[in-house]
Amino acid sequence: MKYCYACDNCGQDAEAEARMGYAPASLTCPVCKGTMRRDYAAEGPKCGPGDPEDMVTENGGVLPADVARANRDPEYRRLGVRFDRDGNAHVPGHNREAFYTYRGLKPLDKGGGLSPAKYADKLNRRKERAKSRKPSVGVNL
């Protein structure tokens, strides 16, 4: 079973595999040599976010060299955001909009930059055009 750990000093995260019930109480941080304690909130199938509403994003991530600094940032801590060793941001679902606003990013918009109402209108126009087309005449052999 995988267990997740986070460093008290620099925020570095790590995984450890052990039999159920035999998880180490703490680990030594490879970055700052501090104490890494078990992070129960981060434990999931792959030490990912525990809540299905949580999001892991590269778009809002940082460079791997900046992970420790970003994990110490008070604004990220206030939002509940943590960064893994690859620099990907783990954002709680309830703070997603605040995270994007803080980073000056826009969430991925599947509507091609259109508002939801304009995107719905675009889809309706496509459906109307498809209905108005004459059916093609085929020859059945």
Foldseek 3Di string as FASTA:
>chain_A
DKWKWAFPQQGAIDIDDDPPPPDDQWDQDPPPRGIIGTDPQQDDPVSHGPDPLKDKAPVLFDQLVCQSVVQPDPVCVVQVWHAYNRRIITGHNVSVVVSCVVSVHDPDDPLVPDDPVVSVVVVVVVVVVVVPDDDDDDDDD
